[in-house]
Amino acid sequence: MANILKYVQHLIAGFNKGWWFIAGISALALGTIGAFLPVLPTTPLIILAAFCFSKSSPRLQAWLENTKTFGPLITDWRETGAIAPKYKFMAVSMMAATFIASAVFGASGLILLIQAVGMSLGAAYVLTRPNS
C-alpha cells in the first residue's frame, strides 16, 4: 500500500507545467467549441483553462482574463463565485434540451434516470451560485 501511495504522489508531482499547459489548451478549445455547441459547458471549461494556465503560463492566463468574451466570467467566478443570470439560463436550458433530445431519440430509462439526476444536481449548483 505504501508503494502505491508513493507512486501516486510521484505521478501528481510529475504533472508539471507542460501538462498544465496541455490541460489548459484542451479546456480552452472545448470551452470555445461549447460556445457554439449546446452539449459542452463553456463557463466551467474556461474557468478550468484559466486555472491550468495559472499553473503553467501566466502570460496566457493574463490574456484569457483580459479578453472581452471570457474575462468577466473568470473575474466574477474568482471574486465571488458568481454566475451571470443569462449564463445560468443558458446552462439550465441546454441541460433540459439535452434531456429532451435523449428522450426523443430513445435513450433507455436507465440513461434518462442518470441524466435526470446528474443534470438536476448540476442545475441546482448553477442556480444556487450568486448572480454577478
C-alpha atoms as a PDB file:
ATOM      1  CA  MET A   1       0.000   0.000   0.000  1.00  0.00           C
ATOM      2  CA  ALA A   2       2.839   2.384   0.837  1.00  0.00           C
ATOM      3  CA  ASN A   3       4.365   1.760  -2.590  1.00  0.00           C
ATOM      4  CA  ILE A   4       1.085   2.644  -4.264  1.00  0.00           C
ATOM      5  CA  LEU A   5       0.854   5.906  -2.312  1.00  0.00           C
ATOM      6  CA  LYS A   6       4.423   6.805  -3.261  1.00  0.00           C
ATOM      7  CA  TYR A   7       3.645   6.050  -6.900  1.00  0.00           C
ATOM      8  CA  VAL A   8       0.532   8.238  -6.821  1.00  0.00           C
ATOM      9  CA  GLN A   9       2.488  11.070  -5.187  1.00  0.00           C
ATOM     10  CA  HIS A  10       5.137  10.702  -7.869  1.00  0.00           C
ATOM     11  CA  LEU A  11       2.501  10.917 -10.614  1.00  0.00           C
ATOM     12  CA  ILE A  12       0.950  14.010  -9.070  1.00  0.00           C
ATOM     13  CA  ALA A  13       4.344  15.670  -8.733  1.00  0.00           C
ATOM     14  CA  GLY A  14       5.013  14.843 -12.382  1.00  0.00           C
ATOM     15  CA  PHE A  15       2.003  16.867 -13.513  1.00  0.00           C
ATOM     16  CA  ASN A  16       4.309  19.730 -14.381  1.00  0.00           C
ATOM     17  CA  LYS A  17       3.875  22.931 -16.323  1.00  0.00           C
ATOM     18  CA  GLY A  18       3.712  21.130 -19.640  1.00  0.00           C
ATOM     19  CA  TRP A  19       0.779  19.017 -18.545  1.00  0.00           C
ATOM     20  CA  TRP A  20      -0.991  22.016 -17.034  1.00  0.00           C
ATOM     21  CA  PHE A  21      -0.454  23.846 -20.324  1.00  0.00           C
ATOM     22  CA  ILE A  22      -1.900  20.947 -22.355  1.00  0.00           C
ATOM     23  CA  ALA A  23      -4.856  20.727 -19.971  1.00  0.00           C
ATOM     24  CA  GLY A  24      -5.398  24.497 -20.277  1.00  0.00           C
ATOM     25  CA  ILE A  25      -5.282  24.472 -24.070  1.00  0.00           C
ATOM     26  CA  SER A  26      -7.658  21.488 -24.151  1.00  0.00           C
ATOM     27  CA  ALA A  27     -10.118  23.148 -21.764  1.00  0.00           C
ATOM     28  CA  LEU A  28      -9.944  26.404 -23.728  1.00  0.00           C
ATOM     29  CA  ALA A  29     -10.551  24.601 -27.033  1.00  0.00           C
ATOM     30  CA  LEU A  30     -13.507  22.650 -25.638  1.00  0.00           C
ATOM     31  CA  GLY A  31     -14.905  25.765 -23.971  1.00  0.00           C
ATOM     32  CA  THR A  32     -14.666  27.698 -27.221  1.00  0.00           C
ATOM     33  CA  ILE A  33     -16.435  24.897 -29.081  1.00  0.00           C
ATOM     34  CA  GLY A  34     -19.013  24.872 -26.286  1.00  0.00           C
ATOM     35  CA  ALA A  35     -19.857  28.489 -27.083  1.00  0.00           C
ATOM     36  CA  PHE A  36     -21.329  27.190 -30.347  1.00  0.00           C
ATOM     37  CA  LEU A  37     -22.485  23.680 -29.408  1.00  0.00           C
ATOM     38  CA  PRO A  38     -25.091  23.244 -26.687  1.00  0.00           C
ATOM     39  CA  VAL A  39     -23.652  19.989 -25.336  1.00  0.00           C
ATOM     40  CA  LEU A  40     -20.405  21.456 -23.978  1.00  0.00           C
ATOM     41  CA  PRO A  41     -20.428  23.751 -20.930  1.00  0.00           C
ATOM     42  CA  THR A  42     -18.445  26.857 -21.839  1.00  0.00           C
ATOM     43  CA  THR A  43     -18.114  28.623 -18.492  1.00  0.00           C
ATOM     44  CA  PRO A  44     -16.652  25.758 -16.388  1.00  0.00           C
ATOM     45  CA  LEU A  45     -14.202  24.865 -19.144  1.00  0.00           C
ATOM     46  CA  ILE A  46     -12.971  28.449 -19.468  1.00  0.00           C
ATOM     47  CA  ILE A  47     -12.582  28.709 -15.685  1.00  0.00           C
ATOM     48  CA  LEU A  48     -10.659  25.419 -15.773  1.00  0.00           C
ATOM     49  CA  ALA A  49      -8.445  26.771 -18.572  1.00  0.00           C
ATOM     50  CA  ALA A  50      -7.647  29.881 -16.513  1.00  0.00           C
ATOM     51  CA  PHE A  51      -6.745  27.682 -13.531  1.00  0.00           C
ATOM     52  CA  CYS A  52      -4.495  25.462 -15.665  1.00  0.00           C
ATOM     53  CA  PHE A  53      -2.796  28.491 -17.200  1.00  0.00           C
ATOM     54  CA  SER A  54      -2.186  29.879 -13.699  1.00  0.00           C
ATOM     55  CA  LYS A  55      -0.069  26.757 -13.123  1.00  0.00           C
ATOM     56  CA  SER A  56       1.721  26.838 -16.474  1.00  0.00           C
ATOM     57  CA  SER A  57       1.644  30.144 -18.329  1.00  0.00           C
ATOM     58  CA  PRO A  58       0.978  33.446 -16.568  1.00  0.00           C
ATOM     59  CA  ARG A  59       1.047  35.149 -19.978  1.00  0.00           C
ATOM     60  CA  LEU A  60      -1.842  33.000 -21.297  1.00  0.00           C
ATOM     61  CA  GLN A  61      -3.686  33.381 -18.010  1.00  0.00           C
ATOM     62  CA  ALA A  62      -3.452  37.171 -18.275  1.00  0.00           C
ATOM     63  CA  TRP A  63      -4.527  37.084 -21.931  1.00  0.00           C
ATOM     64  CA  LEU A  64      -7.563  34.922 -21.142  1.00  0.00           C
ATOM     65  CA  GLU A  65      -8.565  37.071 -18.178  1.00  0.00           C
ATOM     66  CA  ASN A  66      -8.348  40.213 -20.319  1.00  0.00           C
ATOM     67  CA  THR A  67     -10.479  39.010 -23.233  1.00  0.00           C
ATOM     68  CA  LYS A  68     -13.868  40.694 -23.623  1.00  0.00           C
ATOM     69  CA  THR A  69     -15.642  37.375 -24.003  1.00  0.00           C
ATOM     70  CA  PHE A  70     -14.175  35.277 -21.201  1.00  0.00           C
ATOM     71  CA  GLY A  71     -12.532  37.774 -18.845  1.00  0.00           C
ATOM     72  CA  PRO A  72     -15.704  38.782 -16.980  1.00  0.00           C
ATOM     73  CA  LEU A  73     -16.701  35.132 -16.442  1.00  0.00           C
ATOM     74  CA  ILE A  74     -13.371  34.345 -14.853  1.00  0.00           C
ATOM     75  CA  THR A  75     -13.295  37.512 -12.758  1.00  0.00           C
ATOM     76  CA  ASP A  76     -16.843  37.010 -11.459  1.00  0.00           C
ATOM     77  CA  TRP A  77     -16.110  33.403 -10.547  1.00  0.00           C
ATOM     78  CA  ARG A  78     -12.765  34.149  -8.892  1.00  0.00           C
ATOM     79  CA  GLU A  79     -14.013  37.101  -6.837  1.00  0.00           C
ATOM     80  CA  THR A  80     -17.453  35.928  -5.724  1.00  0.00           C
ATOM     81  CA  GLY A  81     -18.220  32.504  -7.173  1.00  0.00           C
ATOM     82  CA  ALA A  82     -20.918  34.260  -9.202  1.00  0.00           C
ATOM     83  CA  ILE A  83     -22.522  33.284 -12.496  1.00  0.00           C
ATOM     84  CA  ALA A  84     -24.444  35.847 -14.552  1.00  0.00           C
ATOM     85  CA  PRO A  85     -28.188  35.115 -14.849  1.00  0.00           C
ATOM     86  CA  LYS A  86     -28.000  34.822 -18.636  1.00  0.00           C
ATOM     87  CA  TYR A  87     -25.382  32.060 -18.309  1.00  0.00           C
ATOM     88  CA  LYS A  88     -27.463  30.318 -15.662  1.00  0.00           C
ATOM     89  CA  PHE A  89     -30.420  30.372 -18.045  1.00  0.00           C
ATOM     90  CA  MET A  90     -28.290  29.063 -20.898  1.00  0.00           C
ATOM     91  CA  ALA A  91     -26.841  26.257 -18.789  1.00  0.00           C
ATOM     92  CA  VAL A  92     -30.189  25.050 -17.469  1.00  0.00           C
ATOM     93  CA  SER A  93     -31.807  25.394 -20.904  1.00  0.00           C
ATOM     94  CA  MET A  94     -29.086  23.310 -22.530  1.00  0.00           C
ATOM     95  CA  MET A  95     -29.433  20.643 -19.845  1.00  0.00           C
ATOM     96  CA  ALA A  96     -33.182  20.494 -20.455  1.00  0.00           C
ATOM     97  CA  ALA A  97     -32.734  20.409 -24.233  1.00  0.00           C
ATOM     98  CA  THR A  98     -30.193  17.597 -23.963  1.00  0.00           C
ATOM     99  CA  PHE A  99     -32.516  15.592 -21.715  1.00  0.00           C
ATOM    100  CA  ILE A 100     -35.465  16.103 -24.065  1.00  0.00           C
ATOM    101  CA  ALA A 101     -33.353  15.134 -27.092  1.00  0.00           C
ATOM    102  CA  SER A 102     -32.219  11.981 -25.309  1.00  0.00           C
ATOM    103  CA  ALA A 103     -35.820  11.042 -24.602  1.00  0.00           C
ATOM    104  CA  VAL A 104     -36.951  11.804 -28.163  1.00  0.00           C
ATOM    105  CA  PHE A 105     -34.109   9.758 -29.658  1.00  0.00           C
ATOM    106  CA  GLY A 106     -34.997   6.785 -27.476  1.00  0.00           C
ATOM    107  CA  ALA A 107     -32.400   6.673 -24.718  1.00  0.00           C
ATOM    108  CA  SER A 108     -33.023   3.876 -22.247  1.00  0.00           C
ATOM    109  CA  GLY A 109     -34.789   4.507 -18.976  1.00  0.00           C
ATOM    110  CA  LEU A 110     -31.562   3.978 -17.028  1.00  0.00           C
ATOM    111  CA  ILE A 111     -29.733   6.580 -19.125  1.00  0.00           C
ATOM    112  CA  LEU A 112     -32.587   9.037 -18.698  1.00  0.00           C
ATOM    113  CA  LEU A 113     -32.567   8.449 -14.940  1.00  0.00           C
ATOM    114  CA  ILE A 114     -28.810   9.022 -14.745  1.00  0.00           C
ATOM    115  CA  GLN A 115     -29.156  12.175 -16.850  1.00  0.00           C
ATOM    116  CA  ALA A 116     -32.054  13.438 -14.750  1.00  0.00           C
ATOM    117  CA  VAL A 117     -30.128  13.004 -11.511  1.00  0.00           C
ATOM    118  CA  GLY A 118     -26.866  14.437 -12.877  1.00  0.00           C
ATOM    119  CA  MET A 119     -28.479  17.366 -14.624  1.00  0.00           C
ATOM    120  CA  SER A 120     -30.677  18.149 -11.626  1.00  0.00           C
ATOM    121  CA  LEU A 121     -27.601  18.295  -9.412  1.00  0.00           C
ATOM    122  CA  GLY A 122     -25.776  20.425 -11.988  1.00  0.00           C
ATOM    123  CA  ALA A 123     -28.735  22.781 -12.382  1.00  0.00           C
ATOM    124  CA  ALA A 124     -29.113  23.076  -8.607  1.00  0.00           C
ATOM    125  CA  TYR A 125     -25.438  24.008  -8.286  1.00  0.00           C
ATOM    126  CA  VAL A 126     -25.600  26.587 -11.077  1.00  0.00           C
ATOM    127  CA  LEU A 127     -28.829  28.132  -9.827  1.00  0.00           C
ATOM    128  CA  THR A 128     -27.594  28.466  -6.237  1.00  0.00           C
ATOM    129  CA  ARG A 129     -24.486  30.472  -7.224  1.00  0.00           C
ATOM    130  CA  PRO A 130     -24.757  34.201  -6.634  1.00  0.00           C
ATOM    131  CA  ASN A 131     -25.674  36.418  -9.578  1.00  0.00           C
ATOM    132  CA  SER A 132     -22.919  38.582 -10.984  1.00  0.00           C
END
